[in-house]
Amino acid sequence: MEELHLFRGDTVLMKGKKRRETVCIVLTDDSCQNEKIRMNRVTRNNLRVRLGDVVSVQACPDVKYGKRIHVLPIDDTIEGLTGNLFEVYLKPYFLEAYRPVHKGENRQNHLWCLQKHLH
């Protein structure tokens, strides 16, 4: 993090295989070795990488705020859910939270994690 001049809360652009990229928030973890990073399964899926693959990381200080995003539910991710999906799942996740998203990302795993957590 020092070499890249990154600090907790900074936004970074990560690039994986096949020119796939995503934006993430930097968090610190003292147990993580130098020259390594940790990322969750959703991020790995978006980058099309597996554990141990090489990714590039660069500072992304000028992320623009979006005016809107389109969340398209996939049938098997909302199966059995009732009520207003926006009010129950999306609004609490995105409202008043800095959640960078990148055009074309697949966030279905985020929604699945949310429903698992909230039930």
Protein backbone atom coordinates (compact mmCIF):
# COMPACT_ATOMS: atom_id res chain seq x y z
CA MET A 1 0.00 0.00 0.00
CA GLU A 2 2.84 2.36 0.78
CA GLU A 3 4.45 1.85 -2.63
CA LEU A 4 1.18 2.72 -4.37
CA HIS A 5 0.49 5.56 -1.92
CA LEU A 6 -2.84 3.98 -0.97
CA PHE A 7 -4.70 4.43 2.28
CA ARG A 8 -7.72 2.83 3.88
CA GLY A 9 -10.87 4.04 2.12
CA ASP A 10 -9.14 4.91 -1.17
CA THR A 11 -10.70 3.69 -4.39
CA VAL A 12 -8.65 1.48 -6.69
CA LEU A 13 -9.10 0.13 -10.19
CA MET A 14 -8.31 -3.58 -10.37
CA LYS A 15 -7.70 -5.39 -13.64
CA GLY A 16 -7.86 -9.13 -14.12
CA LYS A 17 -8.03 -11.53 -17.02
CA LYS A 18 -9.46 -10.71 -20.42
CA ARG A 19 -9.35 -6.96 -19.73
CA ARG A 20 -11.96 -7.30 -16.99
CA GLU A 21 -11.85 -4.51 -14.43
CA THR A 22 -13.66 -3.36 -11.34
CA VAL A 23 -13.38 -0.67 -8.69
CA CYS A 24 -12.88 -1.47 -5.02
CA ILE A 25 -12.34 0.24 -1.69
CA VAL A 26 -8.99 -0.28 0.04
CA LEU A 27 -9.12 -1.90 3.47
CA THR A 28 -6.12 -2.82 5.59
CA ASP A 29 -5.32 -6.26 6.94
CA ASP A 30 -2.11 -6.66 8.92
CA SER A 31 -2.26 -10.44 8.51
CA CYS A 32 -2.02 -10.18 4.70
CA GLN A 33 1.52 -10.60 3.36
CA ASN A 34 3.26 -7.88 1.36
CA GLU A 35 2.89 -8.28 -2.41
CA LYS A 36 -0.51 -9.97 -1.85
CA ILE A 37 -4.06 -8.69 -1.70
CA ARG A 38 -7.31 -10.11 -0.45
CA MET A 39 -10.53 -9.85 -2.37
CA ASN A 40 -13.89 -11.47 -1.95
CA ARG A 41 -15.47 -14.02 -4.27
CA VAL A 42 -17.68 -11.43 -5.97
CA THR A 43 -14.66 -9.34 -6.92
CA ARG A 44 -12.78 -12.41 -8.17
CA ASN A 45 -15.79 -13.40 -10.27
CA ASN A 46 -16.05 -9.91 -11.77
CA LEU A 47 -12.35 -9.98 -12.67
CA ARG A 48 -12.51 -13.60 -13.89
CA VAL A 49 -9.61 -14.57 -11.63
CA ARG A 50 -9.01 -17.33 -9.11
CA LEU A 51 -7.05 -17.46 -5.89
CA GLY A 52 -3.37 -16.97 -6.68
CA ASP A 53 -3.89 -15.23 -10.04
CA VAL A 54 -2.11 -11.97 -10.77
CA VAL A 55 -4.14 -8.75 -10.93
CA SER A 56 -3.07 -5.16 -11.40
CA VAL A 57 -4.04 -2.46 -8.92
CA GLN A 58 -3.87 1.27 -9.50
CA ALA A 59 -5.17 4.28 -7.63
CA CYS A 60 -8.45 5.61 -8.93
CA PRO A 61 -8.86 8.94 -7.14
CA ASP A 62 -11.36 10.62 -9.43
CA VAL A 63 -14.32 8.24 -9.36
CA LYS A 64 -17.43 10.03 -10.53
CA TYR A 65 -20.65 9.72 -8.59
CA GLY A 66 -23.32 7.95 -10.58
CA LYS A 67 -26.81 9.30 -10.94
CA ARG A 68 -28.38 5.86 -11.12
CA ILE A 69 -27.63 2.21 -11.56
CA HIS A 70 -29.75 -0.52 -13.04
CA VAL A 71 -30.10 -3.63 -10.92
CA LEU A 72 -31.55 -6.49 -12.89
CA PRO A 73 -32.52 -9.40 -10.66
CA ILE A 74 -31.90 -12.90 -11.93
CA ASP A 75 -34.81 -15.25 -11.29
CA ASP A 76 -32.88 -17.78 -9.20
CA THR A 77 -31.43 -15.03 -6.97
CA ILE A 78 -34.84 -13.74 -5.89
CA GLU A 79 -36.70 -17.04 -5.78
CA GLY A 80 -38.79 -17.22 -2.62
CA LEU A 81 -38.31 -13.57 -1.69
CA THR A 82 -41.39 -11.51 -0.97
CA GLY A 83 -42.02 -7.84 -0.37
CA ASN A 84 -40.40 -4.80 -1.88
CA LEU A 85 -36.92 -5.91 -2.97
CA PHE A 86 -35.72 -2.32 -3.22
CA GLU A 87 -36.74 -1.36 0.32
CA VAL A 88 -35.60 -4.61 1.93
CA TYR A 89 -32.33 -5.34 0.13
CA LEU A 90 -31.05 -2.62 -2.17
CA LYS A 91 -31.79 0.56 -0.25
CA PRO A 92 -30.10 -0.57 2.99
CA TYR A 93 -27.07 -1.76 1.01
CA PHE A 94 -26.54 1.33 -1.14
CA LEU A 95 -28.11 4.25 0.77
CA GLU A 96 -25.61 6.46 2.59
CA ALA A 97 -22.82 4.03 1.74
CA TYR A 98 -19.96 4.54 -0.65
CA ARG A 99 -20.28 1.48 -2.89
CA PRO A 100 -18.32 1.86 -6.08
CA VAL A 101 -19.76 -0.06 -9.00
CA HIS A 102 -18.33 -0.57 -12.45
CA LYS A 103 -20.35 -0.76 -15.62
CA GLY A 104 -21.14 -4.34 -16.57
CA GLU A 105 -20.42 -5.87 -13.18
CA ASN A 106 -22.26 -8.89 -11.96
CA ARG A 107 -23.45 -8.17 -8.45
CA GLN A 108 -25.78 -11.13 -8.03
CA ASN A 109 -23.56 -12.62 -5.36
CA HIS A 110 -23.83 -9.39 -3.37
CA LEU A 111 -27.61 -9.72 -3.40
CA TRP A 112 -27.42 -13.37 -2.41
CA CYS A 113 -25.12 -12.49 0.49
CA LEU A 114 -27.50 -9.74 1.53
CA GLN A 115 -30.53 -12.01 1.56
CA LYS A 116 -28.60 -14.68 3.46
CA HIS A 117 -27.50 -12.06 6.00
CA LEU A 118 -30.91 -10.46 6.43
CA HIS A 119 -32.95 -13.64 6.92
